N, C-alpha and C. Protein backbone atom coordinates (compact mmCIF):
# COMPACT_ATOMS: atom_id res chain seq x y z
N UNK A 1 19.38 17.54 -8.99
CA UNK A 1 18.93 16.33 -8.29
C UNK A 1 17.57 15.96 -8.94
N UNK A 2 16.70 16.55 -8.91
CA UNK A 2 15.46 16.35 -9.53
C UNK A 2 15.87 15.29 -10.49
N UNK A 3 16.73 15.58 -11.62
CA UNK A 3 16.92 15.37 -13.33
C UNK A 3 17.49 12.96 -12.50
N UNK A 4 17.89 13.48 -11.19
CA UNK A 4 18.34 11.71 -10.79
C UNK A 4 17.54 11.10 -9.91
N UNK A 5 16.17 11.74 -9.08
CA UNK A 5 15.02 11.29 -9.22
C UNK A 5 14.10 10.55 -9.96
N UNK A 6 14.08 11.61 -10.83
CA UNK A 6 13.36 11.15 -11.88
C UNK A 6 14.17 9.87 -12.45
N UNK A 7 15.04 10.09 -12.42
CA UNK A 7 15.97 8.21 -13.39
C UNK A 7 16.01 7.51 -12.68
N UNK A 8 15.83 7.36 -11.34
CA UNK A 8 16.12 6.32 -10.13
C UNK A 8 15.14 5.63 -9.57
N UNK A 9 14.54 6.65 -9.32
CA UNK A 9 12.72 6.47 -8.19
C UNK A 9 12.10 5.59 -9.02
N UNK A 10 11.49 4.92 -9.21
CA UNK A 10 9.83 4.58 -10.14
C UNK A 10 8.93 5.31 -9.48
N UNK A 11 7.74 6.17 -9.62
CA UNK A 11 6.57 6.34 -9.52
C UNK A 11 5.87 5.99 -9.47
N UNK A 12 4.97 5.43 -8.11
CA UNK A 12 3.95 3.76 -8.64
C UNK A 12 2.82 5.00 -9.07
N UNK A 13 1.99 4.06 -9.67
CA UNK A 13 0.51 4.73 -10.30
C UNK A 13 -0.48 5.39 -8.41
N UNK A 14 -1.36 5.75 -8.74
CA UNK A 14 -2.39 6.94 -7.55
C UNK A 14 -2.86 5.37 -6.79
N UNK A 15 -3.27 4.43 -8.05
CA UNK A 15 -4.42 3.37 -7.16
C UNK A 15 -3.37 2.92 -6.24
N UNK A 16 -2.57 2.89 -6.19
CA UNK A 16 -1.53 1.89 -5.55
C UNK A 16 -0.59 2.76 -4.05
N UNK A 17 -0.85 4.21 -4.10
CA UNK A 17 -1.07 4.79 -3.14
C UNK A 17 -2.41 4.54 -2.27
N UNK A 18 -2.68 4.59 -3.14
CA UNK A 18 -4.49 4.87 -2.39
C UNK A 18 -4.57 3.29 -1.61
N UNK A 19 -4.17 2.49 -2.34
CA UNK A 19 -4.39 1.31 -1.29
C UNK A 19 -3.38 0.98 -0.50
N UNK A 20 -2.44 2.04 -0.01
CA UNK A 20 -1.76 2.24 0.59
C UNK A 20 -2.16 3.05 2.37
N UNK A 21 -3.70 3.21 2.19
CA UNK A 21 -4.44 4.10 2.79
C UNK A 21 -5.30 3.19 3.03
N UNK A 22 -5.41 2.03 3.37
CA UNK A 22 -6.17 1.03 3.10
C UNK A 22 -6.41 0.70 4.86
N UNK A 23 -4.81 -0.15 5.41
CA UNK A 23 -5.06 -0.40 6.11
C UNK A 23 -4.83 0.61 7.49
N UNK A 24 -5.16 1.83 7.50
CA UNK A 24 -5.16 3.14 8.10
C UNK A 24 -6.57 2.73 8.54
N UNK A 25 -7.25 3.13 7.18
CA UNK A 25 -8.63 2.91 7.42
C UNK A 25 -9.54 2.11 8.40
N UNK A 26 -8.95 0.90 8.05
CA UNK A 26 -9.54 -0.25 9.06
C UNK A 26 -9.31 -0.26 10.15
N UNK A 27 -7.52 0.31 10.74
CA UNK A 27 -7.24 0.34 12.46
C UNK A 27 -7.90 1.82 12.67
N UNK A 28 -8.20 2.51 11.49
CA UNK A 28 -8.84 3.90 12.50
C UNK A 28 -10.03 3.62 13.31
N UNK A 29 -10.89 2.29 12.02
CA UNK A 29 -12.32 1.87 12.45
C UNK A 29 -12.21 0.93 13.36
N UNK A 30 -10.83 0.12 14.06
CA UNK A 30 -10.79 -0.16 15.47
C UNK A 30 -10.69 0.46 16.38
N UNK A 31 -9.97 1.38 16.16
CA UNK A 31 -9.68 2.37 17.54
C UNK A 31 -10.04 3.05 17.66
N UNK A 32 -11.39 3.69 17.40
CA UNK A 32 -12.56 4.23 17.35
C UNK A 32 -13.66 3.54 18.17
N UNK A 33 -13.65 2.36 18.05
CA UNK A 33 -14.56 1.03 18.65
C UNK A 33 -13.90 1.31 19.67
N UNK A 34 -12.51 0.97 20.04
CA UNK A 34 -12.09 1.09 21.72
C UNK A 34 -12.00 1.98 22.36
N UNK A 35 -12.09 3.50 21.85
CA UNK A 35 -12.00 4.21 21.99
C UNK A 35 -13.73 4.49 22.83
N UNK A 36 -14.77 4.78 22.35
CA UNK A 36 -16.11 4.68 22.49
C UNK A 36 -16.56 3.55 23.65
N UNK A 37 -16.24 3.21 24.05
CA UNK A 37 -16.11 1.97 24.94
C UNK A 37 -16.62 0.35 24.55
N UNK A 38 -17.70 0.79 24.68
CA UNK A 38 -17.71 -1.16 23.81
C UNK A 38 -17.76 -1.51 22.46
N UNK A 39 -16.89 -2.24 22.55
CA UNK A 39 -16.26 -2.65 20.78
C UNK A 39 -17.44 -2.59 19.90
N UNK A 40 -17.90 -2.06 18.94
CA UNK A 40 -18.63 -1.99 18.07
C UNK A 40 -18.35 -2.83 16.89
N UNK A 41 -19.25 -4.26 17.01
CA UNK A 41 -19.41 -5.45 15.73
C UNK A 41 -18.68 -4.74 14.66
N UNK A 42 -19.72 -3.55 14.09
CA UNK A 42 -19.99 -2.97 12.86
C UNK A 42 -18.06 -2.52 12.94
N UNK A 43 -17.67 -1.98 13.58
CA UNK A 43 -16.63 -1.70 13.13
C UNK A 43 -15.26 -2.32 12.66
N UNK A 44 -15.62 -3.77 14.46
CA UNK A 44 -14.30 -4.72 13.71
C UNK A 44 -14.59 -5.48 12.39
N UNK A 45 -16.10 -5.34 11.53
CA UNK A 45 -16.45 -6.17 10.82
C UNK A 45 -15.92 -5.67 9.70
N UNK A 46 -15.49 -4.34 10.20
CA UNK A 46 -15.11 -3.72 8.55
C UNK A 46 -13.96 -3.40 8.66
N UNK A 47 -13.34 -3.68 9.89
CA UNK A 47 -12.25 -2.99 9.87
C UNK A 47 -11.46 -4.12 9.48
N UNK A 48 -11.67 -5.63 10.28
CA UNK A 48 -10.37 -6.86 10.16
C UNK A 48 -10.15 -6.98 8.27
N UNK A 49 -11.62 -7.20 7.49
CA UNK A 49 -11.36 -7.56 5.96
C UNK A 49 -10.63 -6.44 5.20
N UNK A 50 -11.08 -4.74 5.78
CA UNK A 50 -10.05 -3.28 4.43
C UNK A 50 -8.58 -3.77 5.48
N UNK A 51 -8.44 -4.01 6.64
CA UNK A 51 -6.96 -4.79 7.13
C UNK A 51 -6.21 -5.48 5.87
N UNK A 52 -7.20 -6.81 5.88
CA UNK A 52 -6.35 -7.75 4.98
C UNK A 52 -6.56 -7.70 3.33
N UNK A 53 -7.66 -6.80 2.99
CA UNK A 53 -7.44 -6.56 1.76
C UNK A 53 -6.60 -5.62 1.39
N UNK A 54 -6.27 -5.24 2.51
CA UNK A 54 -4.99 -3.80 2.15
C UNK A 54 -3.91 -4.38 1.82
N UNK A 55 -3.51 -5.02 2.95
CA UNK A 55 -2.45 -6.28 2.63
C UNK A 55 -2.41 -6.58 1.39
N UNK A 56 -2.92 -7.79 0.96
CA UNK A 56 -2.91 -8.16 0.12
C UNK A 56 -3.05 -7.07 -1.26
N UNK A 57 -3.53 -6.07 -1.34
CA UNK A 57 -3.34 -5.17 -2.25
C UNK A 57 -2.16 -4.28 -2.23
N UNK A 58 -1.76 -4.33 -1.55
CA UNK A 58 -0.36 -3.38 -0.84
C UNK A 58 0.76 -4.34 -0.99
N UNK A 59 0.66 -5.50 -0.93
CA UNK A 59 1.98 -6.16 -1.84
C UNK A 59 1.71 -6.98 -2.82
N UNK A 60 -0.03 -7.38 -3.53
CA UNK A 60 0.00 -7.99 -4.99
C UNK A 60 0.76 -6.10 -5.84
N UNK A 61 0.76 -4.97 -5.27
CA UNK A 61 1.30 -4.42 -5.90
C UNK A 61 2.33 -4.42 -6.43
N UNK A 62 3.06 -4.91 -5.01
CA UNK A 62 4.41 -4.60 -4.87
C UNK A 62 5.05 -6.23 -6.24
N UNK A 63 4.62 -7.26 -5.80
CA UNK A 63 4.80 -8.45 -7.10
C UNK A 63 4.45 -7.99 -7.80
N UNK A 64 3.32 -7.27 -8.59
CA UNK A 64 3.13 -6.70 -10.01
C UNK A 64 3.79 -6.39 -10.05
N UNK A 65 4.43 -5.03 -9.53
CA UNK A 65 5.15 -4.15 -10.58
C UNK A 65 6.57 -4.73 -10.38
N UNK A 66 7.13 -5.80 -9.16
CA UNK A 66 8.38 -6.53 -9.64
C UNK A 66 8.79 -7.71 -10.31
N UNK A 67 6.95 -8.71 -10.95
CA UNK A 67 7.27 -9.50 -11.89
C UNK A 67 6.97 -8.31 -13.70
N UNK A 68 6.29 -7.39 -12.99
CA UNK A 68 5.89 -6.35 -14.42
C UNK A 68 7.26 -6.15 -14.79
N UNK A 69 8.14 -6.16 -14.26
CA UNK A 69 9.27 -5.15 -14.64
C UNK A 69 9.57 -3.45 -14.22
N UNK A 70 8.63 -3.50 -13.44
CA UNK A 70 8.45 -1.75 -12.59
C UNK A 70 9.44 -1.46 -11.25
N UNK A 71 10.58 -1.78 -12.10
CA UNK A 71 12.18 -2.09 -11.08
C UNK A 71 13.21 -1.18 -11.90
N UNK A 72 14.17 -0.74 -10.71
CA UNK A 72 14.85 0.07 -11.28
C UNK A 72 16.03 -1.27 -11.87
N UNK A 73 16.28 -0.84 -12.98
CA UNK A 73 17.61 -1.70 -13.39
C UNK A 73 18.37 -1.94 -13.84
N UNK A 74 19.60 -2.00 -13.41
CA UNK A 74 20.93 -1.46 -13.72
C UNK A 74 21.32 -1.03 -14.92
N UNK A 75 22.17 -0.19 -15.33
CA UNK A 75 22.60 0.23 -16.75
C UNK A 75 23.17 -1.04 -17.74
N UNK A 76 23.31 -1.57 -19.03
CA UNK A 76 23.87 -2.08 -19.20
C UNK A 76 25.26 -1.89 -18.99
N UNK A 77 25.81 -3.33 -18.30
CA UNK A 77 28.04 -3.06 -18.46
C UNK A 77 28.16 -2.58 -20.33
N UNK A 78 29.04 -1.77 -20.07
CA UNK A 78 29.91 -1.23 -21.43
C UNK A 78 30.83 -2.64 -21.81
N UNK A 79 30.79 -2.65 -23.13
CA UNK A 79 30.94 -3.92 -24.09
C UNK A 79 33.15 -3.46 -23.11
């Protein structure tokens, strides 16, 4: 089972997983601003850019990986 996983699933580098956390950080900051009464402008100022940058980082990583060939390709057909 592990050998199948190693052969068929591409493991992203650590920074790709880190980039996926940025939307959660931005949304968490905005949620905290709503929980504590008045919206804190700093939370919104920090939250939305982090969310936008994370969106670009995640899809940029996916797109770059696809363009650079970090995707599973089928084995060549036998002659």
